[in-house]
Amino acid sequence: MLTRPVRCRSFRIATMAIALASASMVAAQRGPAPDPLVRENATVKLGPHTYVIPDANVGIVVGSRATLVIDPGMGRRNGETVLKEVAKVSKNTELFIASTHFHPEHTTGYLAFPPSAKYINSTTQEAEFEENGMQFVKTFSGRSTLNAELLKDAARRRADITFDREYTLDLGGVRVKFLLVGPTHTRGDTGFFVEGDSVLFAGDVVMNESFLAANPSSSIKAWLTAFDAFEALKPRTIVPAHGASGPGTLIAANRTWVREVQEKTLALKRQGKSIDETANAVSTEVTAQHLSWPRANGLANLSRSAYEGR
């Protein structure tokens, strides 16, 4: 009679252990932890309707009717800073919020936003936060005293509007296209393309002088398909989740070295190398070509994905 409860407890423990390992792996892949504070008076204009707060790379898109905030920062304090910056560039009372992916530095700033602000999210991201969002909050809280303070009252905010793969938001005089492209860095990775301004908020899918933070569930095929989808939009400026913004050519630059990982992996597989031997060899070789780039731990996962044909 005791067997079934013990099995259930064991299953729950195992599930929690997997979530913890995944969160720790993502943290390791990010490289040195950036300053988690959103800076005041740092907002930069990228186009007639588009702004970014650098470092945290919070996006603000202002239309004649409404304003969209992309990746509102980590925790209530940062969200309050974001709202101050929004007020400097927009007089709109209608607000929308969206996130490139479900990790806490890209979502939990929504705590500071009023209930009237509408949160738009994919069904995939909603499911990811339901499964592991608060575990990631716990993991990020453990990284520093400041993180713990920022995330002390973090909680899930359910979306007011959901979509599956694509969504277009009309803010009045400017439209923003939402495009789900995962499983890349996460299953729910979403890009935001500001039409007219030709600015793409690419999240962790396209980076600037950085490797990609791939994890064991990432798909190299999905990543290459995401590059194609983003490139078809013809962005002039790309804002990654972390690091400096850059030109649209960042997509091609990322594709070049990701295809190199794929080709080197398949060549070693044809030679009879094991998946572990291959991932280690490819990671070492590609890292040596870009010694200053962070997130090199993701290379092995990209190589394993290529080896397995996914």
C-alpha atoms as a PDB file:
ATOM      1  CA  MET A   1       0.000   0.000   0.000  1.00  0.00           C
ATOM      2  CA  LEU A   2       3.004   2.293   0.471  1.00  0.00           C
ATOM      3  CA  THR A   3       4.482   1.626  -2.976  1.00  0.00           C
ATOM      4  CA  ARG A   4       2.409   4.044  -5.037  1.00  0.00           C
ATOM      5  CA  PRO A   5       2.902   7.174  -2.834  1.00  0.00           C
ATOM      6  CA  VAL A   6       6.649   6.522  -2.697  1.00  0.00           C
ATOM      7  CA  ARG A   7       6.772   6.287  -6.488  1.00  0.00           C
ATOM      8  CA  CYS A   8       4.826   9.532  -6.851  1.00  0.00           C
ATOM      9  CA  ARG A   9       7.167  11.306  -4.457  1.00  0.00           C
ATOM     10  CA  SER A  10      10.164   9.898  -6.312  1.00  0.00           C
ATOM     11  CA  PHE A  11       8.768  11.103  -9.615  1.00  0.00           C
ATOM     12  CA  ARG A  12       8.192  14.612  -8.242  1.00  0.00           C
ATOM     13  CA  ILE A  13      11.707  14.707  -6.793  1.00  0.00           C
ATOM     14  CA  ALA A  14      13.167  13.586 -10.115  1.00  0.00           C
ATOM     15  CA  THR A  15      11.176  16.227 -12.000  1.00  0.00           C
ATOM     16  CA  MET A  16      12.369  18.959  -9.646  1.00  0.00           C
ATOM     17  CA  ALA A  17      15.960  17.758 -10.029  1.00  0.00           C
ATOM     18  CA  ILE A  18      15.709  17.991 -13.823  1.00  0.00           C
ATOM     19  CA  ALA A  19      14.294  21.520 -13.595  1.00  0.00           C
ATOM     20  CA  LEU A  20      17.092  22.567 -11.228  1.00  0.00           C
ATOM     21  CA  ALA A  21      19.747  21.100 -13.504  1.00  0.00           C
ATOM     22  CA  SER A  22      18.255  22.855 -16.522  1.00  0.00           C
ATOM     23  CA  ALA A  23      18.125  26.206 -14.747  1.00  0.00           C
ATOM     24  CA  SER A  24      21.705  25.839 -13.546  1.00  0.00           C
ATOM     25  CA  MET A  25      22.844  24.909 -17.046  1.00  0.00           C
ATOM     26  CA  VAL A  26      21.214  27.972 -18.560  1.00  0.00           C
ATOM     27  CA  ALA A  27      22.872  30.182 -15.941  1.00  0.00           C
ATOM     28  CA  ALA A  28      26.249  28.640 -16.741  1.00  0.00           C
ATOM     29  CA  GLN A  29      25.779  29.162 -20.478  1.00  0.00           C
ATOM     30  CA  ARG A  30      25.160  32.862 -20.083  1.00  0.00           C
ATOM     31  CA  GLY A  31      28.733  33.689 -19.138  1.00  0.00           C
ATOM     32  CA  PRO A  32      29.420  36.421 -16.551  1.00  0.00           C
ATOM     33  CA  ALA A  33      26.162  37.640 -15.007  1.00  0.00           C
ATOM     34  CA  PRO A  34      25.301  41.150 -16.239  1.00  0.00           C
ATOM     35  CA  ASP A  35      24.172  43.947 -13.958  1.00  0.00           C
ATOM     36  CA  PRO A  36      20.477  43.140 -13.457  1.00  0.00           C
ATOM     37  CA  LEU A  37      19.392  46.762 -12.969  1.00  0.00           C
ATOM     38  CA  VAL A  38      17.621  48.651 -15.741  1.00  0.00           C
ATOM     39  CA  ARG A  39      19.275  52.061 -16.089  1.00  0.00           C
ATOM     40  CA  GLU A  40      17.354  55.308 -15.919  1.00  0.00           C
ATOM     41  CA  ASN A  41      17.916  58.042 -18.528  1.00  0.00           C
ATOM     42  CA  ALA A  42      19.631  55.588 -20.857  1.00  0.00           C
ATOM     43  CA  THR A  43      16.878  55.033 -23.421  1.00  0.00           C
ATOM     44  CA  VAL A  44      18.051  55.152 -27.055  1.00  0.00           C
ATOM     45  CA  LYS A  45      15.855  55.824 -30.090  1.00  0.00           C
ATOM     46  CA  LEU A  46      16.275  53.233 -32.858  1.00  0.00           C
ATOM     47  CA  GLY A  47      13.545  54.413 -35.224  1.00  0.00           C
ATOM     48  CA  PRO A  48      10.516  56.698 -35.458  1.00  0.00           C
ATOM     49  CA  HIS A  49       8.533  54.455 -33.088  1.00  0.00           C
ATOM     50  CA  THR A  50      11.167  52.237 -31.461  1.00  0.00           C
ATOM     51  CA  TYR A  51      13.360  52.658 -28.392  1.00  0.00           C
ATOM     52  CA  VAL A  52      15.636  50.395 -26.377  1.00  0.00           C
ATOM     53  CA  ILE A  53      17.032  50.639 -22.853  1.00  0.00           C
ATOM     54  CA  PRO A  54      20.547  49.211 -23.376  1.00  0.00           C
ATOM     55  CA  ASP A  55      22.140  46.431 -21.321  1.00  0.00           C
ATOM     56  CA  ALA A  56      18.775  45.108 -20.152  1.00  0.00           C
ATOM     57  CA  ASN A  57      17.670  45.585 -23.785  1.00  0.00           C
ATOM     58  CA  VAL A  58      14.109  46.494 -22.888  1.00  0.00           C
ATOM     59  CA  GLY A  59      12.130  47.433 -25.993  1.00  0.00           C
ATOM     60  CA  ILE A  60       9.579  50.255 -26.164  1.00  0.00           C
ATOM     61  CA  VAL A  61       7.418  50.663 -29.268  1.00  0.00           C
ATOM     62  CA  VAL A  62       5.186  53.734 -29.365  1.00  0.00           C
ATOM     63  CA  GLY A  63       2.166  54.113 -31.599  1.00  0.00           C
ATOM     64  CA  SER A  64      -0.444  56.847 -31.813  1.00  0.00           C
ATOM     65  CA  ARG A  65      -2.865  54.787 -29.727  1.00  0.00           C
ATOM     66  CA  ALA A  66      -0.863  52.393 -27.550  1.00  0.00           C
ATOM     67  CA  THR A  67       2.635  51.395 -26.402  1.00  0.00           C
ATOM     68  CA  LEU A  68       4.296  47.975 -26.292  1.00  0.00           C
ATOM     69  CA  VAL A  69       7.051  47.053 -23.817  1.00  0.00           C
ATOM     70  CA  ILE A  70       9.201  44.059 -24.764  1.00  0.00           C
ATOM     71  CA  ASP A  71      11.107  42.253 -21.977  1.00  0.00           C
ATOM     72  CA  PRO A  72      10.196  44.536 -19.022  1.00  0.00           C
ATOM     73  CA  GLY A  73      13.207  43.587 -16.879  1.00  0.00           C
ATOM     74  CA  MET A  74      13.700  41.497 -13.751  1.00  0.00           C
ATOM     75  CA  GLY A  75      11.378  42.182 -10.843  1.00  0.00           C
ATOM     76  CA  ARG A  76       9.168  45.016  -9.664  1.00  0.00           C
ATOM     77  CA  ARG A  77      11.967  47.553  -9.122  1.00  0.00           C
ATOM     78  CA  ASN A  78      13.170  47.239 -12.702  1.00  0.00           C
ATOM     79  CA  GLY A  79       9.613  47.316 -13.972  1.00  0.00           C
ATOM     80  CA  GLU A  80       9.095  50.629 -12.187  1.00  0.00           C
ATOM     81  CA  THR A  81      12.205  52.020 -13.885  1.00  0.00           C
ATOM     82  CA  VAL A  82      10.917  50.825 -17.253  1.00  0.00           C
ATOM     83  CA  LEU A  83       7.600  52.595 -16.688  1.00  0.00           C
ATOM     84  CA  LYS A  84       9.467  55.837 -15.899  1.00  0.00           C
ATOM     85  CA  GLU A  85      11.344  55.523 -19.171  1.00  0.00           C
ATOM     86  CA  VAL A  86       8.131  54.733 -21.057  1.00  0.00           C
ATOM     87  CA  ALA A  87       6.541  57.921 -19.676  1.00  0.00           C
ATOM     88  CA  LYS A  88       9.395  59.973 -21.180  1.00  0.00           C
ATOM     89  CA  VAL A  89       8.710  58.796 -24.733  1.00  0.00           C
ATOM     90  CA  SER A  90       4.971  58.034 -24.696  1.00  0.00           C
ATOM     91  CA  LYS A  91       1.808  59.707 -23.426  1.00  0.00           C
ATOM     92  CA  ASN A  92      -0.352  56.681 -24.243  1.00  0.00           C
ATOM     93  CA  THR A  93      -2.423  55.218 -21.435  1.00  0.00           C
ATOM     94  CA  GLU A  94      -2.961  51.914 -23.263  1.00  0.00           C
ATOM     95  CA  LEU A  95      -0.066  49.548 -22.555  1.00  0.00           C
ATOM     96  CA  PHE A  96       0.901  46.089 -23.793  1.00  0.00           C
ATOM     97  CA  ILE A  97       3.656  43.799 -22.450  1.00  0.00           C
ATOM     98  CA  ALA A  98       5.446  40.920 -24.191  1.00  0.00           C
ATOM     99  CA  SER A  99       8.535  38.745 -23.605  1.00  0.00           C
ATOM    100  CA  THR A 100      11.093  37.143 -25.902  1.00  0.00           C
ATOM    101  CA  HIS A 101      11.117  34.128 -23.555  1.00  0.00           C
ATOM    102  CA  PHE A 102       9.976  33.082 -20.092  1.00  0.00           C
ATOM    103  CA  HIS A 103      13.150  33.596 -18.021  1.00  0.00           C
ATOM    104  CA  PRO A 104      12.723  36.017 -15.099  1.00  0.00           C
ATOM    105  CA  GLU A 105      14.940  38.839 -16.393  1.00  0.00           C
ATOM    106  CA  HIS A 106      12.642  39.065 -19.430  1.00  0.00           C
ATOM    107  CA  THR A 107       9.290  38.730 -17.703  1.00  0.00           C
ATOM    108  CA  THR A 108       8.946  39.591 -14.023  1.00  0.00           C
ATOM    109  CA  GLY A 109       9.234  43.360 -14.472  1.00  0.00           C
ATOM    110  CA  TYR A 110       5.551  43.067 -15.345  1.00  0.00           C
ATOM    111  CA  LEU A 111       4.861  43.115 -11.594  1.00  0.00           C
ATOM    112  CA  ALA A 112       5.122  46.922 -11.698  1.00  0.00           C
ATOM    113  CA  PHE A 113       2.672  47.341 -14.559  1.00  0.00           C
ATOM    114  CA  PRO A 114      -0.952  48.241 -13.850  1.00  0.00           C
ATOM    115  CA  PRO A 115      -3.666  45.584 -14.250  1.00  0.00           C
ATOM    116  CA  SER A 116      -4.944  47.509 -17.270  1.00  0.00           C
ATOM    117  CA  ALA A 117      -1.733  46.697 -19.180  1.00  0.00           C
ATOM    118  CA  LYS A 118      -2.394  43.667 -21.384  1.00  0.00           C
ATOM    119  CA  TYR A 119       0.181  40.877 -21.407  1.00  0.00           C
ATOM    120  CA  ILE A 120       0.466  39.101 -24.772  1.00  0.00           C
ATOM    121  CA  ASN A 121       2.175  35.717 -24.819  1.00  0.00           C
ATOM    122  CA  SER A 122       2.349  32.523 -26.852  1.00  0.00           C
ATOM    123  CA  THR A 123       0.680  29.399 -25.527  1.00  0.00           C
ATOM    124  CA  THR A 124       4.143  27.784 -25.559  1.00  0.00           C
ATOM    125  CA  GLN A 125       5.674  30.424 -23.267  1.00  0.00           C
ATOM    126  CA  GLU A 126       2.651  30.218 -20.997  1.00  0.00           C
ATOM    127  CA  ALA A 127       3.211  26.477 -20.634  1.00  0.00           C
ATOM    128  CA  GLU A 128       6.938  26.942 -20.019  1.00  0.00           C
ATOM    129  CA  PHE A 129       6.369  29.379 -17.168  1.00  0.00           C
ATOM    130  CA  GLU A 130       3.734  27.076 -15.707  1.00  0.00           C
ATOM    131  CA  GLU A 131       6.226  24.190 -15.773  1.00  0.00           C
ATOM    132  CA  ASN A 132       9.474  25.844 -14.724  1.00  0.00           C
ATOM    133  CA  GLY A 133       9.061  29.608 -14.378  1.00  0.00           C
ATOM    134  CA  MET A 134       9.139  29.816 -10.603  1.00  0.00           C
ATOM    135  CA  GLN A 135      12.023  27.345 -10.441  1.00  0.00           C
ATOM    136  CA  PHE A 136      14.018  29.711 -12.649  1.00  0.00           C
ATOM    137  CA  VAL A 137      13.029  32.576 -10.337  1.00  0.00           C
ATOM    138  CA  LYS A 138      14.471  30.594  -7.436  1.00  0.00           C
ATOM    139  CA  THR A 139      17.664  29.836  -9.354  1.00  0.00           C
ATOM    140  CA  PHE A 140      18.188  33.448 -10.439  1.00  0.00           C
ATOM    141  CA  SER A 141      17.474  34.647  -6.879  1.00  0.00           C
ATOM    142  CA  GLY A 142      20.357  32.531  -5.657  1.00  0.00           C
ATOM    143  CA  ARG A 143      22.866  34.209  -7.956  1.00  0.00           C
ATOM    144  CA  SER A 144      23.243  37.389  -5.863  1.00  0.00           C
ATOM    145  CA  THR A 145      21.767  39.384  -3.005  1.00  0.00           C
ATOM    146  CA  LEU A 146      20.527  41.975  -5.493  1.00  0.00           C
ATOM    147  CA  ASN A 147      18.780  39.352  -7.605  1.00  0.00           C
ATOM    148  CA  ALA A 148      17.093  37.993  -4.494  1.00  0.00           C
ATOM    149  CA  GLU A 149      15.876  41.477  -3.613  1.00  0.00           C
ATOM    150  CA  LEU A 150      14.583  42.120  -7.133  1.00  0.00           C
ATOM    151  CA  LEU A 151      12.721  38.822  -7.266  1.00  0.00           C
ATOM    152  CA  LYS A 152      11.434  38.677  -3.683  1.00  0.00           C
ATOM    153  CA  ASP A 153       7.782  39.029  -4.731  1.00  0.00           C
ATOM    154  CA  ALA A 154       8.060  37.521  -8.205  1.00  0.00           C
ATOM    155  CA  ALA A 155       4.991  35.668  -9.366  1.00  0.00           C
ATOM    156  CA  ARG A 156       3.475  34.447 -12.570  1.00  0.00           C
ATOM    157  CA  ARG A 157       1.336  36.895 -14.513  1.00  0.00           C
ATOM    158  CA  ARG A 158      -0.999  35.043 -16.841  1.00  0.00           C
ATOM    159  CA  ALA A 159      -1.401  36.374 -20.356  1.00  0.00           C
ATOM    160  CA  ASP A 160      -4.459  38.412 -21.291  1.00  0.00           C
ATOM    161  CA  ILE A 161      -4.002  37.542 -24.969  1.00  0.00           C
ATOM    162  CA  THR A 162      -2.435  34.329 -26.293  1.00  0.00           C
ATOM    163  CA  PHE A 163      -1.381  33.137 -29.726  1.00  0.00           C
ATOM    164  CA  ASP A 164       0.176  29.995 -31.212  1.00  0.00           C
ATOM    165  CA  ARG A 165       2.829  30.900 -33.818  1.00  0.00           C
ATOM    166  CA  GLU A 166       2.223  34.453 -35.052  1.00  0.00           C
ATOM    167  CA  TYR A 167       0.455  37.595 -33.892  1.00  0.00           C
ATOM    168  CA  THR A 168       0.324  41.179 -35.157  1.00  0.00           C
ATOM    169  CA  LEU A 169      -0.283  44.099 -32.808  1.00  0.00           C
ATOM    170  CA  ASP A 170      -1.445  47.432 -34.239  1.00  0.00           C
ATOM    171  CA  LEU A 171      -0.391  50.263 -31.917  1.00  0.00           C
ATOM    172  CA  GLY A 172      -1.711  53.001 -34.179  1.00  0.00           C
ATOM    173  CA  GLY A 173       0.513  54.027 -37.070  1.00  0.00           C
ATOM    174  CA  VAL A 174       2.912  51.159 -36.406  1.00  0.00           C
ATOM    175  CA  ARG A 175       2.497  47.389 -36.258  1.00  0.00           C
ATOM    176  CA  VAL A 176       4.597  44.815 -34.439  1.00  0.00           C
ATOM    177  CA  LYS A 177       4.799  41.242 -35.710  1.00  0.00           C
ATOM    178  CA  PHE A 178       5.264  38.507 -33.081  1.00  0.00           C
ATOM    179  CA  LEU A 179       6.905  35.324 -34.388  1.00  0.00           C
ATOM    180  CA  LEU A 180       7.443  32.146 -32.328  1.00  0.00           C
ATOM    181  CA  VAL A 181      10.590  30.340 -33.529  1.00  0.00           C
ATOM    182  CA  GLY A 182      11.570  27.815 -30.790  1.00  0.00           C
ATOM    183  CA  PRO A 183      12.775  25.307 -29.752  1.00  0.00           C
ATOM    184  CA  THR A 184      15.946  27.376 -29.797  1.00  0.00           C
ATOM    185  CA  HIS A 185      17.199  28.907 -26.532  1.00  0.00           C
ATOM    186  CA  THR A 186      13.759  27.978 -25.157  1.00  0.00           C
ATOM    187  CA  ARG A 187      10.706  26.339 -26.685  1.00  0.00           C
ATOM    188  CA  GLY A 188       8.853  29.644 -26.685  1.00  0.00           C
ATOM    189  CA  ASP A 189      11.499  31.976 -28.124  1.00  0.00           C
ATOM    190  CA  THR A 190       9.709  34.843 -29.849  1.00  0.00           C
ATOM    191  CA  GLY A 191      10.974  37.615 -32.094  1.00  0.00           C
ATOM    192  CA  PHE A 192       9.304  41.031 -32.412  1.00  0.00           C
ATOM    193  CA  PHE A 193       9.593  42.911 -35.683  1.00  0.00           C
ATOM    194  CA  VAL A 194       8.628  46.587 -35.749  1.00  0.00           C
ATOM    195  CA  GLU A 195       7.323  47.197 -39.239  1.00  0.00           C
ATOM    196  CA  GLY A 196       8.417  50.441 -40.880  1.00  0.00           C
ATOM    197  CA  ASP A 197      11.234  50.943 -38.369  1.00  0.00           C
ATOM    198  CA  SER A 198      12.710  47.576 -39.438  1.00  0.00           C
ATOM    199  CA  VAL A 199      13.867  46.784 -35.905  1.00  0.00           C
ATOM    200  CA  LEU A 200      13.912  43.163 -34.729  1.00  0.00           C
ATOM    201  CA  PHE A 201      13.973  42.238 -31.038  1.00  0.00           C
ATOM    202  CA  ALA A 202      15.501  38.790 -31.441  1.00  0.00           C
ATOM    203  CA  GLY A 203      15.873  37.631 -27.837  1.00  0.00           C
ATOM    204  CA  ASP A 204      18.534  34.950 -27.382  1.00  0.00           C
ATOM    205  CA  VAL A 205      18.033  33.638 -30.930  1.00  0.00           C
ATOM    206  CA  VAL A 206      20.443  36.085 -32.593  1.00  0.00           C
ATOM    207  CA  MET A 207      23.417  37.380 -30.626  1.00  0.00           C
ATOM    208  CA  ASN A 208      26.168  39.935 -31.219  1.00  0.00           C
ATOM    209  CA  GLU A 209      29.692  38.574 -30.709  1.00  0.00           C
ATOM    210  CA  SER A 210      28.420  35.780 -28.485  1.00  0.00           C
ATOM    211  CA  PHE A 211      27.724  32.094 -28.830  1.00  0.00           C
ATOM    212  CA  LEU A 212      24.129  30.952 -28.511  1.00  0.00           C
ATOM    213  CA  ALA A 213      22.882  29.609 -25.175  1.00  0.00           C
ATOM    214  CA  ALA A 214      21.647  26.277 -26.495  1.00  0.00           C
ATOM    215  CA  ASN A 215      20.372  23.668 -24.040  1.00  0.00           C
ATOM    216  CA  PRO A 216      19.732  19.911 -24.336  1.00  0.00           C
ATOM    217  CA  SER A 217      16.270  20.461 -25.848  1.00  0.00           C
ATOM    218  CA  SER A 218      17.439  23.016 -28.424  1.00  0.00           C
ATOM    219  CA  SER A 219      17.152  22.157 -32.106  1.00  0.00           C
ATOM    220  CA  ILE A 220      19.854  23.302 -34.522  1.00  0.00           C
ATOM    221  CA  LYS A 221      17.367  22.853 -37.359  1.00  0.00           C
ATOM    222  CA  ALA A 222      14.876  25.126 -35.590  1.00  0.00           C
ATOM    223  CA  TRP A 223      17.650  27.672 -35.053  1.00  0.00           C
ATOM    224  CA  LEU A 224      18.583  27.721 -38.739  1.00  0.00           C
ATOM    225  CA  THR A 225      14.904  27.980 -39.674  1.00  0.00           C
ATOM    226  CA  ALA A 226      14.566  30.894 -37.234  1.00  0.00           C
ATOM    227  CA  PHE A 227      17.444  32.686 -38.976  1.00  0.00           C
ATOM    228  CA  ASP A 228      15.645  32.277 -42.302  1.00  0.00           C
ATOM    229  CA  ALA A 229      12.356  33.571 -40.876  1.00  0.00           C
ATOM    230  CA  PHE A 230      14.039  36.576 -39.290  1.00  0.00           C
ATOM    231  CA  GLU A 231      16.098  37.359 -42.382  1.00  0.00           C
ATOM    232  CA  ALA A 232      12.952  37.314 -44.534  1.00  0.00           C
ATOM    233  CA  LEU A 233      11.711  40.294 -42.494  1.00  0.00           C
ATOM    234  CA  LYS A 234      14.753  42.297 -43.681  1.00  0.00           C
ATOM    235  CA  PRO A 235      15.553  43.956 -40.348  1.00  0.00           C
ATOM    236  CA  ARG A 236      17.829  46.975 -40.385  1.00  0.00           C
ATOM    237  CA  THR A 237      18.634  46.768 -36.661  1.00  0.00           C
ATOM    238  CA  ILE A 238      18.701  43.762 -34.344  1.00  0.00           C
ATOM    239  CA  VAL A 239      18.359  43.955 -30.581  1.00  0.00           C
ATOM    240  CA  PRO A 240      19.516  40.729 -28.889  1.00  0.00           C
ATOM    241  CA  ALA A 241      18.426  39.681 -25.406  1.00  0.00           C
ATOM    242  CA  HIS A 242      21.875  40.567 -24.055  1.00  0.00           C
ATOM    243  CA  GLY A 243      24.742  42.607 -25.433  1.00  0.00           C
ATOM    244  CA  ALA A 244      24.959  45.388 -27.980  1.00  0.00           C
ATOM    245  CA  SER A 245      22.441  45.957 -30.735  1.00  0.00           C
ATOM    246  CA  GLY A 246      23.733  45.538 -34.264  1.00  0.00           C
ATOM    247  CA  PRO A 247      22.907  45.529 -37.967  1.00  0.00           C
ATOM    248  CA  GLY A 248      20.660  43.061 -39.752  1.00  0.00           C
ATOM    249  CA  THR A 249      23.782  41.267 -40.985  1.00  0.00           C
ATOM    250  CA  LEU A 250      24.081  39.684 -37.523  1.00  0.00           C
ATOM    251  CA  ILE A 251      21.676  36.997 -38.736  1.00  0.00           C
ATOM    252  CA  ALA A 252      24.009  35.906 -41.523  1.00  0.00           C
ATOM    253  CA  ALA A 253      26.988  36.040 -39.168  1.00  0.00           C
ATOM    254  CA  ASN A 254      25.225  33.765 -36.677  1.00  0.00           C
ATOM    255  CA  ARG A 255      24.109  31.403 -39.431  1.00  0.00           C
ATOM    256  CA  THR A 256      27.694  31.062 -40.708  1.00  0.00           C
ATOM    257  CA  TRP A 257      29.159  29.724 -37.488  1.00  0.00           C
ATOM    258  CA  VAL A 258      26.084  27.633 -36.601  1.00  0.00           C
ATOM    259  CA  ARG A 259      26.300  25.908 -39.998  1.00  0.00           C
ATOM    260  CA  GLU A 260      29.985  25.373 -39.291  1.00  0.00           C
ATOM    261  CA  VAL A 261      29.048  23.577 -36.068  1.00  0.00           C
ATOM    262  CA  GLN A 262      26.568  21.455 -38.009  1.00  0.00           C
ATOM    263  CA  GLU A 263      29.012  20.574 -40.799  1.00  0.00           C
ATOM    264  CA  LYS A 264      31.911  19.764 -38.467  1.00  0.00           C
ATOM    265  CA  THR A 265      29.613  17.609 -36.349  1.00  0.00           C
ATOM    266  CA  LEU A 266      28.318  15.595 -39.286  1.00  0.00           C
ATOM    267  CA  ALA A 267      31.842  15.117 -40.654  1.00  0.00           C
ATOM    268  CA  LEU A 268      33.034  13.655 -37.335  1.00  0.00           C
ATOM    269  CA  LYS A 269      29.925  11.479 -37.104  1.00  0.00           C
ATOM    270  CA  ARG A 270      30.708  10.022 -40.550  1.00  0.00           C
ATOM    271  CA  GLN A 271      34.191   9.211 -39.250  1.00  0.00           C
ATOM    272  CA  GLY A 272      32.617   7.092 -36.536  1.00  0.00           C
ATOM    273  CA  LYS A 273      33.200   9.447 -33.609  1.00  0.00           C
ATOM    274  CA  SER A 274      30.778   9.159 -30.682  1.00  0.00           C
ATOM    275  CA  ILE A 275      28.394  11.961 -29.838  1.00  0.00           C
ATOM    276  CA  ASP A 276      30.476  12.924 -26.796  1.00  0.00           C
ATOM    277  CA  GLU A 277      33.748  12.906 -28.733  1.00  0.00           C
ATOM    278  CA  THR A 278      32.159  14.966 -31.462  1.00  0.00           C
ATOM    279  CA  ALA A 279      30.572  17.556 -29.185  1.00  0.00           C
ATOM    280  CA  ASN A 280      33.818  18.046 -27.277  1.00  0.00           C
ATOM    281  CA  ALA A 281      35.921  18.362 -30.425  1.00  0.00           C
ATOM    282  CA  VAL A 282      33.567  20.789 -32.147  1.00  0.00           C
ATOM    283  CA  SER A 283      33.201  22.915 -29.017  1.00  0.00           C
ATOM    284  CA  THR A 284      36.962  23.165 -28.580  1.00  0.00           C
ATOM    285  CA  GLU A 285      37.602  24.077 -32.203  1.00  0.00           C
ATOM    286  CA  VAL A 286      34.850  26.669 -32.578  1.00  0.00           C
ATOM    287  CA  THR A 287      35.573  28.258 -29.184  1.00  0.00           C
ATOM    288  CA  ALA A 288      39.202  28.741 -30.208  1.00  0.00           C
ATOM    289  CA  GLN A 289      38.033  30.834 -33.156  1.00  0.00           C
ATOM    290  CA  HIS A 290      36.187  33.300 -30.896  1.00  0.00           C
ATOM    291  CA  LEU A 291      37.990  33.269 -27.558  1.00  0.00           C
ATOM    292  CA  SER A 292      36.358  36.452 -26.260  1.00  0.00           C
ATOM    293  CA  TRP A 293      32.776  35.308 -26.874  1.00  0.00           C
ATOM    294  CA  PRO A 294      30.616  34.292 -23.877  1.00  0.00           C
ATOM    295  CA  ARG A 295      28.154  31.352 -23.624  1.00  0.00           C
ATOM    296  CA  ALA A 296      30.551  28.802 -25.131  1.00  0.00           C
ATOM    297  CA  ASN A 297      28.894  26.058 -23.063  1.00  0.00           C
ATOM    298  CA  GLY A 298      26.017  26.098 -25.542  1.00  0.00           C
ATOM    299  CA  LEU A 299      28.213  24.805 -28.352  1.00  0.00           C
ATOM    300  CA  ALA A 300      28.170  21.203 -27.139  1.00  0.00           C
ATOM    301  CA  ASN A 301      24.374  21.205 -27.096  1.00  0.00           C
ATOM    302  CA  LEU A 302      24.226  22.578 -30.652  1.00  0.00           C
ATOM    303  CA  SER A 303      26.643  19.888 -31.769  1.00  0.00           C
ATOM    304  CA  ARG A 304      24.639  17.135 -30.065  1.00  0.00           C
ATOM    305  CA  SER A 305      21.495  18.406 -31.768  1.00  0.00           C
ATOM    306  CA  ALA A 306      23.223  18.271 -35.158  1.00  0.00           C
ATOM    307  CA  TYR A 307      24.587  14.786 -34.409  1.00  0.00           C
ATOM    308  CA  GLU A 308      21.093  13.543 -33.600  1.00  0.00           C
ATOM    309  CA  GLY A 309      19.645  15.173 -36.707  1.00  0.00           C
ATOM    310  CA  ARG A 310      17.250  17.522 -34.951  1.00  0.00           C
END
